[in-house]
Amino acid sequence: LSIPGVRGDVFRKPVVKIKYQDESLEWQEEVFDDFNARVIQHEYDHIEGILFTDLISTLKRQLVKKKLQNIMDGKARPDYRMKFCNKKGR
């Protein structure tokens, strides 16, 4: 959903182990698999500034190049509802 009208398959590891600090600043370590592992990897990519288009094959990227250009030119329409905030952030 990050890029309207552009979809593609991305390889994700089936299991991830993450180490993090909880709200008490205590170190925790957990293992996640299946859907949760996929979501964690997806969100971590966003934190690192990586979009799924950075992870697809060169051929697939070439096939969606026109759609990506249309998005950059403001000519794209998402196939899902969007809600925009006013200038005050509400």
C-alpha atoms as a PDB file:
ATOM      1  CA  LEU A   1       0.000   0.000   0.000  1.00  0.00           C
ATOM      2  CA  SER A   2       2.999   2.291   0.255  1.00  0.00           C
ATOM      3  CA  ILE A   3       2.972   2.970  -3.478  1.00  0.00           C
ATOM      4  CA  PRO A   4      -0.481   3.256  -5.131  1.00  0.00           C
ATOM      5  CA  GLY A   5      -1.013   0.787  -7.987  1.00  0.00           C
ATOM      6  CA  VAL A   6       2.397  -0.843  -7.665  1.00  0.00           C
ATOM      7  CA  ARG A   7       2.642  -4.320  -6.190  1.00  0.00           C
ATOM      8  CA  GLY A   8       5.419  -6.872  -6.089  1.00  0.00           C
ATOM      9  CA  ASP A   9       6.735  -9.872  -4.237  1.00  0.00           C
ATOM     10  CA  VAL A  10       9.586  -9.331  -1.791  1.00  0.00           C
ATOM     11  CA  PHE A  11      11.611 -12.070  -0.136  1.00  0.00           C
ATOM     12  CA  ARG A  12      11.459 -11.967   3.657  1.00  0.00           C
ATOM     13  CA  LYS A  13      13.134 -14.212   6.190  1.00  0.00           C
ATOM     14  CA  PRO A  14      10.580 -16.543   7.817  1.00  0.00           C
ATOM     15  CA  VAL A  15      12.009 -15.960  11.318  1.00  0.00           C
ATOM     16  CA  VAL A  16      13.635 -12.909  12.910  1.00  0.00           C
ATOM     17  CA  LYS A  17      15.205 -12.364  16.310  1.00  0.00           C
ATOM     18  CA  ILE A  18      15.173  -8.812  17.610  1.00  0.00           C
ATOM     19  CA  LYS A  19      16.808  -7.231  20.608  1.00  0.00           C
ATOM     20  CA  TYR A  20      15.232  -4.073  21.970  1.00  0.00           C
ATOM     21  CA  GLN A  21      14.806  -1.954  25.057  1.00  0.00           C
ATOM     22  CA  ASP A  22      11.372  -1.950  26.660  1.00  0.00           C
ATOM     23  CA  GLU A  23       9.671   1.036  28.275  1.00  0.00           C
ATOM     24  CA  SER A  24      11.769   0.450  31.443  1.00  0.00           C
ATOM     25  CA  LEU A  25      14.952   0.500  29.349  1.00  0.00           C
ATOM     26  CA  GLU A  26      15.487  -3.196  30.067  1.00  0.00           C
ATOM     27  CA  TRP A  27      16.939  -5.219  27.209  1.00  0.00           C
ATOM     28  CA  GLN A  28      14.633  -7.834  25.739  1.00  0.00           C
ATOM     29  CA  GLU A  29      15.151 -10.406  23.010  1.00  0.00           C
ATOM     30  CA  GLU A  30      12.342 -12.118  21.124  1.00  0.00           C
ATOM     31  CA  VAL A  31      11.919 -14.394  18.135  1.00  0.00           C
ATOM     32  CA  PHE A  32       9.085 -13.763  15.669  1.00  0.00           C
ATOM     33  CA  ASP A  33       7.972 -15.927  12.779  1.00  0.00           C
ATOM     34  CA  ASP A  34       5.503 -16.029   9.904  1.00  0.00           C
ATOM     35  CA  PHE A  35       3.322 -12.929   9.531  1.00  0.00           C
ATOM     36  CA  ASN A  36       4.820 -11.114  12.528  1.00  0.00           C
ATOM     37  CA  ALA A  37       8.343 -11.591  11.161  1.00  0.00           C
ATOM     38  CA  ARG A  38       7.221 -10.231   7.791  1.00  0.00           C
ATOM     39  CA  VAL A  39       5.596  -7.149   9.357  1.00  0.00           C
ATOM     40  CA  ILE A  40       8.662  -6.410  11.501  1.00  0.00           C
ATOM     41  CA  GLN A  41      10.958  -6.593   8.461  1.00  0.00           C
ATOM     42  CA  HIS A  42       8.591  -4.383   6.441  1.00  0.00           C
ATOM     43  CA  GLU A  43       8.442  -1.718   9.137  1.00  0.00           C
ATOM     44  CA  TYR A  44      12.194  -1.871   9.751  1.00  0.00           C
ATOM     45  CA  ASP A  45      12.714  -1.236   6.035  1.00  0.00           C
ATOM     46  CA  HIS A  46      10.583   1.917   6.377  1.00  0.00           C
ATOM     47  CA  ILE A  47      12.707   3.079   9.317  1.00  0.00           C
ATOM     48  CA  GLU A  48      15.813   2.566   7.179  1.00  0.00           C
ATOM     49  CA  GLY A  49      14.256   4.440   4.235  1.00  0.00           C
ATOM     50  CA  ILE A  50      13.887   1.309   2.097  1.00  0.00           C
ATOM     51  CA  LEU A  51      10.802   0.820  -0.070  1.00  0.00           C
ATOM     52  CA  PHE A  52       9.799  -2.497  -1.578  1.00  0.00           C
ATOM     53  CA  THR A  53      10.793  -1.130  -5.004  1.00  0.00           C
ATOM     54  CA  ASP A  54      14.370  -1.151  -3.729  1.00  0.00           C
ATOM     55  CA  LEU A  55      14.054  -4.904  -3.103  1.00  0.00           C
ATOM     56  CA  ILE A  56      12.426  -6.118  -6.333  1.00  0.00           C
ATOM     57  CA  SER A  57      14.324  -7.350  -9.360  1.00  0.00           C
ATOM     58  CA  THR A  58      15.688  -4.928 -11.939  1.00  0.00           C
ATOM     59  CA  LEU A  59      13.282  -6.363 -14.513  1.00  0.00           C
ATOM     60  CA  LYS A  60      10.250  -5.816 -12.281  1.00  0.00           C
ATOM     61  CA  ARG A  61      11.468  -2.304 -11.491  1.00  0.00           C
ATOM     62  CA  GLN A  62      11.664  -1.549 -15.213  1.00  0.00           C
ATOM     63  CA  LEU A  63       8.113  -2.877 -15.672  1.00  0.00           C
ATOM     64  CA  VAL A  64       6.720  -0.465 -13.056  1.00  0.00           C
ATOM     65  CA  LYS A  65       8.928   2.487 -14.033  1.00  0.00           C
ATOM     66  CA  LYS A  66       6.088   4.322 -15.820  1.00  0.00           C
ATOM     67  CA  LYS A  67       3.756   3.925 -12.814  1.00  0.00           C
ATOM     68  CA  LEU A  68       6.483   5.228 -10.495  1.00  0.00           C
ATOM     69  CA  GLN A  69       7.057   8.224 -12.776  1.00  0.00           C
ATOM     70  CA  ASN A  70       3.316   8.965 -12.782  1.00  0.00           C
ATOM     71  CA  ILE A  71       3.352   8.955  -8.980  1.00  0.00           C
ATOM     72  CA  MET A  72       6.300  11.362  -8.903  1.00  0.00           C
ATOM     73  CA  ASP A  73       4.432  13.587 -11.381  1.00  0.00           C
ATOM     74  CA  GLY A  74       1.313  13.585  -9.183  1.00  0.00           C
ATOM     75  CA  LYS A  75      -0.756  11.653 -11.738  1.00  0.00           C
ATOM     76  CA  ALA A  76      -1.486   8.591  -9.587  1.00  0.00           C
ATOM     77  CA  ARG A  77      -4.697   7.776  -7.779  1.00  0.00           C
ATOM     78  CA  PRO A  78      -4.613   5.256  -4.926  1.00  0.00           C
ATOM     79  CA  ASP A  79      -7.142   2.420  -5.012  1.00  0.00           C
ATOM     80  CA  TYR A  80      -7.882   2.925  -1.306  1.00  0.00           C
ATOM     81  CA  ARG A  81      -9.354   5.774   0.706  1.00  0.00           C
ATOM     82  CA  MET A  82      -7.001   8.431   1.964  1.00  0.00           C
ATOM     83  CA  LYS A  83      -7.615  11.022   4.648  1.00  0.00           C
ATOM     84  CA  PHE A  84      -5.564  14.197   4.666  1.00  0.00           C
ATOM     85  CA  CYS A  85      -4.813  16.311   7.704  1.00  0.00           C
ATOM     86  CA  ASN A  86      -5.455  20.016   7.715  1.00  0.00           C
ATOM     87  CA  LYS A  87      -2.588  22.452   8.258  1.00  0.00           C
ATOM     88  CA  LYS A  88      -2.860  22.088  12.033  1.00  0.00           C
ATOM     89  CA  GLY A  89      -2.121  18.346  11.781  1.00  0.00           C
ATOM     90  CA  ARG A  90      -5.657  17.157  12.628  1.00  0.00           C
END
